[in-house]
């Protein structure tokens, strides 16, 4: 058996992403920026200014893309308003106020807009690494300056590369406003990535842009029509990352100090599960199951509405849908590793599981019945129900019968 055949899928993915990173690191400006990540003087365990610089370098490693013209911006704004009318008609959801605004970004713009969200998510984990090192220092009764500096540099470099990598692929986004709720509600389109997808997949630009806009406007309707779900999601995420931080500290107590001086060993420790290199506790698995079920519903519902509208409104819908789904299924090992490193490999599963759930509910009942999921927290499908829609249907039917009985008593 050849060496390549003996290598397991995880090792192949790790080797693929390392080759990807090494290829970028050979570019002189990024090499200098990576060096700064390891020599910065920040007190925290992530130097976010350097992470931003690395992310921008990675995002622009393919070269500078054409900027959106005023005409492009006006066309996308018109598509958003048209999408708003269509989603209102097809979803039966009412967001109240108009959605938006719509911002057309280049890749550095997207990084800047999302950096605070990444800080919200990963700062607790970075701080946990810091506390782990502090405990090890207390055990040894002397500082581990090399270990602390290397860990800070590694976390900074990894986060910067991952954010930059994501900036190269995201097409559209609805901003939840997780760090600052008052800033939420914006829709983002990353124009260079639209151009790249349209060219690579040979799509009709007008059709594809409307399709993407429909997806993001549906997200806006989901959250604007049901304000409670933003607070619900943030609460879940905060609970999850707090529990992961505690787990990381516990794991750190089992590390040997010499492992923190061995760059290959420390990199292996972190890369085994990415920045969240933990075995989930029962509490974490329960929270993660709720997050996955919720995000599956959110993504599946948006795809359902996007496709319902697309079948009737978009001329090239069938060809576009096939091409776009093939794009999701044909990612390289390096791409899948990066996504798995942060848990983004769940995204594809969320699309698939959520779509099947939403379609089955609509086929067996109707869209208004599916919309019961947005009414209150207890109506959301759990991790079992999102995969077995009939169980959620039965629970909702019983709940509705009880509600009607209470109303008549």
Protein backbone atom coordinates (compact mmCIF):
# COMPACT_ATOMS: atom_id res chain seq x y z
CA UNK A 1 0.00 0.00 0.00
CA UNK A 2 1.40 3.41 -0.96
CA UNK A 3 2.16 6.03 1.68
CA UNK A 4 -0.65 8.21 0.34
CA UNK A 5 -3.15 5.38 0.78
CA UNK A 6 -2.03 4.72 4.36
CA UNK A 7 -2.58 8.36 5.27
CA UNK A 8 -5.94 8.89 6.93
CA UNK A 9 -8.38 11.62 5.75
CA UNK A 10 -7.58 13.89 8.70
CA UNK A 11 -3.83 13.76 7.98
CA UNK A 12 -4.47 14.45 4.30
CA UNK A 13 -6.59 17.45 5.22
CA UNK A 14 -3.94 18.71 7.65
CA UNK A 15 -1.24 18.31 5.01
CA UNK A 16 -3.44 20.10 2.48
CA UNK A 17 -4.08 23.13 4.64
CA UNK A 18 -0.42 23.31 5.65
CA UNK A 19 0.52 23.43 1.97
CA UNK A 20 -2.09 26.15 1.46
CA UNK A 21 -0.67 28.20 4.35
CA UNK A 22 2.94 27.62 3.31
CA UNK A 23 2.15 28.79 -0.21
CA UNK A 24 0.73 32.05 1.09
CA UNK A 25 3.47 32.47 3.69
CA UNK A 26 6.09 32.50 0.92
CA UNK A 27 4.72 35.88 -0.14
CA UNK A 28 7.00 38.41 1.51
CA UNK A 29 4.43 40.87 2.97
CA UNK A 30 2.52 38.08 4.70
CA UNK A 31 5.73 36.47 5.96
CA UNK A 32 6.61 39.74 7.67
CA UNK A 33 3.10 40.04 9.11
CA UNK A 34 3.24 36.48 10.46
CA UNK A 35 6.52 37.34 12.14
CA UNK A 36 4.86 40.28 13.85
CA UNK A 37 2.23 37.93 15.29
CA UNK A 38 4.97 36.18 17.27
CA UNK A 39 6.80 39.34 18.36
CA UNK A 40 3.88 41.61 19.28
CA UNK A 41 3.72 43.20 22.71
CA UNK A 42 -0.02 42.84 23.34
CA UNK A 43 -1.02 41.64 26.79
CA UNK A 44 -3.81 39.37 25.58
CA UNK A 45 -3.48 35.91 24.06
CA UNK A 46 -4.55 37.21 20.62
CA UNK A 47 -3.11 40.30 18.96
CA UNK A 48 -6.24 41.34 17.09
CA UNK A 49 -4.50 44.08 15.11
CA UNK A 50 -2.04 41.54 13.75
CA UNK A 51 -4.86 39.02 13.19
CA UNK A 52 -6.61 41.67 11.08
CA UNK A 53 -3.45 42.34 9.07
CA UNK A 54 -2.90 38.62 8.43
CA UNK A 55 -6.55 38.17 7.45
CA UNK A 56 -6.34 40.99 4.90
CA UNK A 57 -3.13 39.56 3.43
CA UNK A 58 -4.67 36.11 3.06
CA UNK A 59 -7.93 37.52 1.65
CA UNK A 60 -6.03 39.49 -1.00
CA UNK A 61 -3.52 36.76 -1.84
CA UNK A 62 -5.31 36.15 -5.14
CA UNK A 63 -4.81 39.79 -6.13
CA UNK A 64 -6.98 42.88 -5.91
CA UNK A 65 -10.48 42.32 -7.30
CA UNK A 66 -12.51 44.94 -9.19
CA UNK A 67 -14.53 47.25 -6.97
CA UNK A 68 -18.29 47.49 -7.27
CA UNK A 69 -19.45 50.47 -9.30
CA UNK A 70 -22.28 52.79 -8.27
CA UNK A 71 -24.44 51.06 -10.89
CA UNK A 72 -23.74 47.64 -9.34
CA UNK A 73 -24.66 48.99 -5.90
CA UNK A 74 -27.92 50.45 -7.20
CA UNK A 75 -28.80 47.17 -8.93
CA UNK A 76 -28.15 45.14 -5.76
CA UNK A 77 -30.17 47.62 -3.68
CA UNK A 78 -33.07 47.19 -6.14
CA UNK A 79 -32.71 43.40 -5.85
CA UNK A 80 -32.89 43.65 -2.08
CA UNK A 81 -36.15 45.63 -2.25
CA UNK A 82 -37.59 43.17 -4.77
CA UNK A 83 -36.48 40.28 -2.56
CA UNK A 84 -38.19 41.95 0.38
CA UNK A 85 -41.52 41.92 -1.45
CA UNK A 86 -41.07 38.32 -2.60
CA UNK A 87 -39.99 36.97 0.82
CA UNK A 88 -42.91 38.75 2.49
CA UNK A 89 -45.30 37.10 0.01
CA UNK A 90 -43.82 33.60 0.13
CA UNK A 91 -42.81 33.31 3.80
CA UNK A 92 -45.85 34.96 5.44
CA UNK A 93 -43.41 36.61 7.88
CA UNK A 94 -43.68 40.30 8.71
CA UNK A 95 -40.46 42.05 9.80
CA UNK A 96 -42.24 45.34 10.46
CA UNK A 97 -39.72 47.89 9.23
CA UNK A 98 -37.88 47.63 5.90
CA UNK A 99 -34.78 45.41 6.02
CA UNK A 100 -31.28 46.63 5.38
CA UNK A 101 -29.27 48.60 4.66
CA UNK A 102 -27.39 46.60 2.03
CA UNK A 103 -23.62 47.12 2.00
CA UNK A 104 -21.50 45.98 -0.94
CA UNK A 105 -18.07 45.02 0.35
CA UNK A 106 -14.64 44.04 -0.83
CA UNK A 107 -12.88 41.38 1.24
CA UNK A 108 -11.08 43.73 3.67
CA UNK A 109 -14.42 45.51 4.27
CA UNK A 110 -15.99 42.17 5.25
CA UNK A 111 -13.10 41.40 7.61
CA UNK A 112 -13.45 44.78 9.31
CA UNK A 113 -17.23 44.37 9.68
CA UNK A 114 -16.89 40.92 11.27
CA UNK A 115 -13.79 41.29 13.43
CA UNK A 116 -15.80 42.22 16.53
CA UNK A 117 -17.92 39.07 16.10
CA UNK A 118 -14.80 36.91 15.90
CA UNK A 119 -13.48 38.60 19.04
CA UNK A 120 -16.75 37.87 20.85
CA UNK A 121 -16.51 34.20 19.92
CA UNK A 122 -12.81 33.50 20.36
CA UNK A 123 -11.64 35.86 23.09
CA UNK A 124 -12.97 33.53 25.85
CA UNK A 125 -11.00 30.66 24.32
CA UNK A 126 -7.85 32.74 24.01
CA UNK A 127 -8.19 33.88 27.61
CA UNK A 128 -8.56 30.25 28.63
CA UNK A 129 -5.24 29.40 27.01
CA UNK A 130 -3.75 32.30 28.97
CA UNK A 131 -5.10 30.99 32.28
CA UNK A 132 -3.79 27.53 31.44
CA UNK A 133 -0.30 28.93 30.90
CA UNK A 134 -0.55 30.91 34.13
CA UNK A 135 -1.37 27.74 36.08
CA UNK A 136 1.57 25.96 34.50
CA UNK A 137 3.80 28.88 35.44
CA UNK A 138 2.55 28.68 39.03
CA UNK A 139 3.33 24.97 39.09
CA UNK A 140 6.87 25.62 37.86
CA UNK A 141 7.20 28.84 39.92
CA UNK A 142 8.70 30.73 36.99
CA UNK A 143 7.29 32.34 33.82
CA UNK A 144 7.06 30.40 30.56
CA UNK A 145 7.85 33.39 28.37
CA UNK A 146 8.65 31.33 25.29
CA UNK A 147 5.50 29.23 25.67
CA UNK A 148 3.30 32.28 26.19
CA UNK A 149 4.80 34.14 23.24
CA UNK A 150 4.52 31.14 20.96
CA UNK A 151 0.94 30.40 21.98
CA UNK A 152 -0.04 34.05 21.41
CA UNK A 153 1.64 34.06 18.02
CA UNK A 154 0.08 30.77 16.98
CA UNK A 155 -3.44 31.77 18.01
CA UNK A 156 -3.06 35.16 16.31
CA UNK A 157 -1.72 33.63 13.10
CA UNK A 158 -4.33 30.87 12.97
CA UNK A 159 -7.24 33.24 13.59
CA UNK A 160 -5.95 35.71 11.03
CA UNK A 161 -5.53 33.02 8.39
CA UNK A 162 -8.95 31.52 9.03
CA UNK A 163 -10.71 34.91 8.91
CA UNK A 164 -8.87 35.74 5.70
CA UNK A 165 -9.75 32.35 4.25
CA UNK A 166 -13.43 32.86 5.04
CA UNK A 167 -13.34 36.33 3.48
CA UNK A 168 -12.40 34.71 0.17
CA UNK A 169 -15.54 32.54 0.06
CA UNK A 170 -18.50 34.30 1.67
CA UNK A 171 -21.00 35.63 -0.87
CA UNK A 172 -23.65 37.27 1.28
CA UNK A 173 -24.33 37.70 4.98
CA UNK A 174 -27.02 38.94 7.31
CA UNK A 175 -25.36 40.66 10.29
CA UNK A 176 -26.99 39.48 13.52
CA UNK A 177 -25.29 42.21 15.53
CA UNK A 178 -24.11 39.75 18.17
CA UNK A 179 -21.48 42.04 19.74
CA UNK A 180 -23.64 45.17 19.29
CA UNK A 181 -27.36 44.46 18.75
CA UNK A 182 -27.93 48.08 17.73
CA UNK A 183 -25.66 47.53 14.71
CA UNK A 184 -27.44 44.37 13.57
CA UNK A 185 -29.79 44.00 10.64
CA UNK A 186 -27.37 44.93 7.89
CA UNK A 187 -27.00 42.81 4.75
CA UNK A 188 -23.57 42.32 3.24
CA UNK A 189 -22.64 41.31 -0.30
CA UNK A 190 -18.95 40.53 -0.97
CA UNK A 191 -18.66 41.62 -4.57
CA UNK A 192 -15.30 40.02 -5.54
CA UNK A 193 -16.60 36.64 -4.39
CA UNK A 194 -19.79 37.07 -6.42
CA UNK A 195 -17.71 37.77 -9.53
CA UNK A 196 -15.50 34.74 -8.84
CA UNK A 197 -18.48 32.39 -8.37
CA UNK A 198 -20.29 33.71 -11.44
CA UNK A 199 -17.21 33.21 -13.60
CA UNK A 200 -16.21 29.81 -12.22
CA UNK A 201 -19.74 28.33 -12.30
CA UNK A 202 -20.79 30.16 -15.49
CA UNK A 203 -23.84 31.68 -13.87
CA UNK A 204 -26.19 34.39 -15.13
CA UNK A 205 -25.15 37.33 -12.91
CA UNK A 206 -28.59 38.91 -12.60
CA UNK A 207 -30.21 35.60 -11.62
CA UNK A 208 -27.46 34.60 -9.21
CA UNK A 209 -27.37 37.94 -7.42
CA UNK A 210 -31.12 37.90 -6.92
CA UNK A 211 -30.90 34.33 -5.58
CA UNK A 212 -28.20 35.26 -3.05
CA UNK A 213 -30.10 38.39 -2.06
CA UNK A 214 -33.24 36.33 -1.47
CA UNK A 215 -31.33 34.09 0.93
CA UNK A 216 -29.98 36.97 3.02
CA UNK A 217 -33.28 38.87 3.03
CA UNK A 218 -35.00 35.72 4.32
CA UNK A 219 -32.53 35.67 7.21
CA UNK A 220 -33.39 39.29 7.89
CA UNK A 221 -37.11 38.39 7.99
CA UNK A 222 -36.50 35.45 10.32
CA UNK A 223 -34.80 37.63 12.92
CA UNK A 224 -36.69 40.91 12.47
CA UNK A 225 -40.12 39.25 12.63
CA UNK A 226 -39.11 37.36 15.78
CA UNK A 227 -36.81 39.58 17.90
CA UNK A 228 -36.48 36.97 20.67
CA UNK A 229 -34.38 34.60 18.56
CA UNK A 230 -31.35 36.93 18.42
CA UNK A 231 -31.15 36.94 22.23
CA UNK A 232 -31.73 33.20 22.28
CA UNK A 233 -28.84 32.52 19.89
CA UNK A 234 -26.44 34.82 21.71
CA UNK A 235 -27.30 33.20 25.04
CA UNK A 236 -26.62 29.73 23.58
CA UNK A 237 -23.29 30.79 22.10
CA UNK A 238 -22.13 32.47 25.30
CA UNK A 239 -23.03 29.37 27.31
CA UNK A 240 -21.21 27.10 24.88
CA UNK A 241 -17.97 29.06 24.70
CA UNK A 242 -17.90 29.59 28.45
CA UNK A 243 -18.16 25.83 28.96
CA UNK A 244 -15.47 25.18 26.33
CA UNK A 245 -13.15 27.63 28.06
CA UNK A 246 -13.52 25.76 31.34
CA UNK A 247 -12.83 22.49 29.54
CA UNK A 248 -9.71 23.94 27.94
CA UNK A 249 -8.37 25.01 31.33
CA UNK A 250 -8.97 21.51 32.66
CA UNK A 251 -7.17 20.03 29.66
CA UNK A 252 -4.28 22.45 30.15
CA UNK A 253 -3.61 21.02 33.59
CA UNK A 254 -2.65 17.76 31.90
CA UNK A 255 -0.11 19.35 29.54
CA UNK A 256 3.56 19.01 30.32
CA UNK A 257 5.49 22.32 30.32
CA UNK A 258 7.99 21.03 27.77
CA UNK A 259 5.15 20.58 25.28
CA UNK A 260 4.71 24.36 25.21
CA UNK A 261 8.33 24.79 24.10
CA UNK A 262 7.91 22.29 21.26
CA UNK A 263 6.24 24.18 18.42
CA UNK A 264 5.31 21.01 16.57
CA UNK A 265 3.71 19.44 19.65
CA UNK A 266 1.74 22.57 20.56
CA UNK A 267 0.61 23.01 16.98
CA UNK A 268 -0.53 19.38 16.98
CA UNK A 269 -2.47 19.90 20.23
CA UNK A 270 -4.30 22.92 18.85
CA UNK A 271 -4.82 21.50 15.35
CA UNK A 272 -6.37 18.24 16.54
CA UNK A 273 -9.60 20.12 17.05
CA UNK A 274 -8.58 23.55 15.90
CA UNK A 275 -8.89 26.21 18.54
CA UNK A 276 -11.53 24.15 20.30
CA UNK A 277 -9.40 21.06 20.87
CA UNK A 278 -11.60 19.47 23.49
CA UNK A 279 -13.66 16.36 24.05
CA UNK A 280 -17.12 17.72 24.70
CA UNK A 281 -18.69 17.18 28.08
CA UNK A 282 -22.37 16.14 28.28
CA UNK A 283 -23.28 19.77 29.05
CA UNK A 284 -21.40 21.03 26.00
CA UNK A 285 -22.91 18.39 23.75
CA UNK A 286 -26.41 19.43 24.87
CA UNK A 287 -25.74 23.13 24.15
CA UNK A 288 -24.05 22.32 20.84
CA UNK A 289 -27.01 20.15 19.82
CA UNK A 290 -29.37 23.08 20.41
CA UNK A 291 -27.14 25.45 18.44
CA UNK A 292 -26.90 23.01 15.53
CA UNK A 293 -30.67 22.40 15.49
CA UNK A 294 -31.38 26.12 15.54
CA UNK A 295 -28.88 26.98 12.80
CA UNK A 296 -30.15 24.08 10.69
CA UNK A 297 -33.65 25.53 10.93
CA UNK A 298 -32.41 29.05 10.08
CA UNK A 299 -30.41 27.89 7.05
CA UNK A 300 -32.95 25.34 5.88
CA UNK A 301 -35.80 27.84 6.06
CA UNK A 302 -33.84 30.43 4.05
CA UNK A 303 -33.03 27.84 1.40
CA UNK A 304 -36.68 26.75 1.27
CA UNK A 305 -37.92 30.30 0.62
CA UNK A 306 -35.04 31.04 -1.76
CA UNK A 307 -35.92 27.94 -3.80
CA UNK A 308 -39.70 28.46 -3.69
CA UNK A 309 -39.24 31.94 -5.14
CA UNK A 310 -36.46 30.90 -7.50
CA UNK A 311 -38.48 28.18 -9.19
CA UNK A 312 -41.11 30.70 -10.22
CA UNK A 313 -39.12 33.90 -10.68
CA UNK A 314 -35.55 33.09 -11.78
CA UNK A 315 -35.15 31.81 -15.38
CA UNK A 316 -31.87 29.91 -14.84
CA UNK A 317 -32.83 28.63 -11.38
CA UNK A 318 -32.47 24.89 -12.11
CA UNK A 319 -29.01 25.11 -13.68
CA UNK A 320 -27.82 27.59 -11.06
CA UNK A 321 -29.05 25.48 -8.16
CA UNK A 322 -27.28 22.36 -9.46
CA UNK A 323 -24.02 24.24 -10.06
CA UNK A 324 -24.07 25.94 -6.69
CA UNK A 325 -24.77 22.77 -4.73
CA UNK A 326 -22.00 20.99 -6.62
CA UNK A 327 -19.68 23.82 -5.49
CA UNK A 328 -20.47 22.96 -1.85
CA UNK A 329 -19.83 19.25 -2.39
CA UNK A 330 -16.52 19.58 -4.27
CA UNK A 331 -14.35 21.38 -1.72
CA UNK A 332 -10.72 20.37 -1.35
CA UNK A 333 -9.25 18.68 1.69
CA UNK A 334 -7.62 21.98 2.71
CA UNK A 335 -10.94 23.82 2.55
CA UNK A 336 -12.70 21.15 4.56
CA UNK A 337 -9.93 21.17 7.17
CA UNK A 338 -10.20 24.93 7.70
CA UNK A 339 -13.97 24.66 8.01
CA UNK A 340 -13.72 21.72 10.40
CA UNK A 341 -11.11 23.58 12.43
CA UNK A 342 -13.74 26.15 13.44
CA UNK A 343 -16.80 23.93 13.21
CA UNK A 344 -17.86 25.36 9.85
CA UNK A 345 -18.08 21.86 8.41
CA UNK A 346 -21.44 21.83 10.18
CA UNK A 347 -22.64 24.45 7.71
CA UNK A 348 -23.20 22.01 4.86
CA UNK A 349 -24.94 19.59 7.20
CA UNK A 350 -27.08 22.46 8.46
CA UNK A 351 -28.19 23.23 4.91
CA UNK A 352 -29.00 19.61 4.16
CA UNK A 353 -30.69 18.69 7.46
CA UNK A 354 -32.56 21.99 7.68
CA UNK A 355 -33.79 21.82 4.09
CA UNK A 356 -35.12 18.28 4.53
CA UNK A 357 -36.88 19.25 7.77
CA UNK A 358 -38.53 22.35 6.27
CA UNK A 359 -39.58 20.58 3.07
CA UNK A 360 -41.10 17.65 4.96
CA UNK A 361 -43.09 19.94 7.28
CA UNK A 362 -44.41 22.00 4.36
CA UNK A 363 -45.31 18.87 2.38
CA UNK A 364 -47.13 17.20 5.30
CA UNK A 365 -48.68 20.37 6.71
CA UNK A 366 -48.06 23.82 5.21
CA UNK A 367 -45.81 26.87 5.52
CA UNK A 368 -47.90 28.48 8.26
CA UNK A 369 -47.47 25.33 10.35
CA UNK A 370 -43.69 25.50 9.80
CA UNK A 371 -43.77 29.14 10.93
CA UNK A 372 -44.94 27.96 14.35
CA UNK A 373 -41.25 27.24 14.98
CA UNK A 374 -40.59 31.00 15.13
CA UNK A 375 -43.34 31.81 17.65
CA UNK A 376 -41.54 30.93 20.89
CA UNK A 377 -38.46 29.15 22.18
CA UNK A 378 -40.26 25.96 23.20
CA UNK A 379 -41.51 25.56 19.61
CA UNK A 380 -38.02 25.20 18.17
CA UNK A 381 -37.13 21.68 16.99
CA UNK A 382 -34.50 19.95 19.12
CA UNK A 383 -31.56 17.93 17.85
CA UNK A 384 -33.70 14.82 17.38
CA UNK A 385 -36.69 16.56 15.81
CA UNK A 386 -34.66 18.49 13.24
CA UNK A 387 -33.64 15.09 11.79
CA UNK A 388 -37.08 13.50 12.21
CA UNK A 389 -39.62 16.13 11.22
CA UNK A 390 -42.63 13.92 12.01
CA UNK A 391 -41.72 14.04 15.71
CA UNK A 392 -41.78 17.83 15.70
CA UNK A 393 -45.06 17.84 13.75
CA UNK A 394 -46.66 15.54 16.32
CA UNK A 395 -45.46 17.70 19.21
CA UNK A 396 -46.71 20.90 17.58
CA UNK A 397 -50.09 19.34 16.77
CA UNK A 398 -50.50 18.34 20.41
CA UNK A 399 -49.35 21.77 21.57
CA UNK A 400 -51.83 23.51 19.27
CA UNK A 401 -54.68 21.27 20.47
CA UNK A 402 -53.86 22.14 24.08
CA UNK A 403 -53.69 25.85 23.23
CA UNK A 404 -57.12 25.75 21.55
CA UNK A 405 -58.61 23.90 24.54
CA UNK A 406 -57.20 26.45 26.99
CA UNK A 407 -58.60 29.26 24.86
CA UNK A 408 -62.15 27.80 24.99
CA UNK A 409 -62.14 27.02 28.68
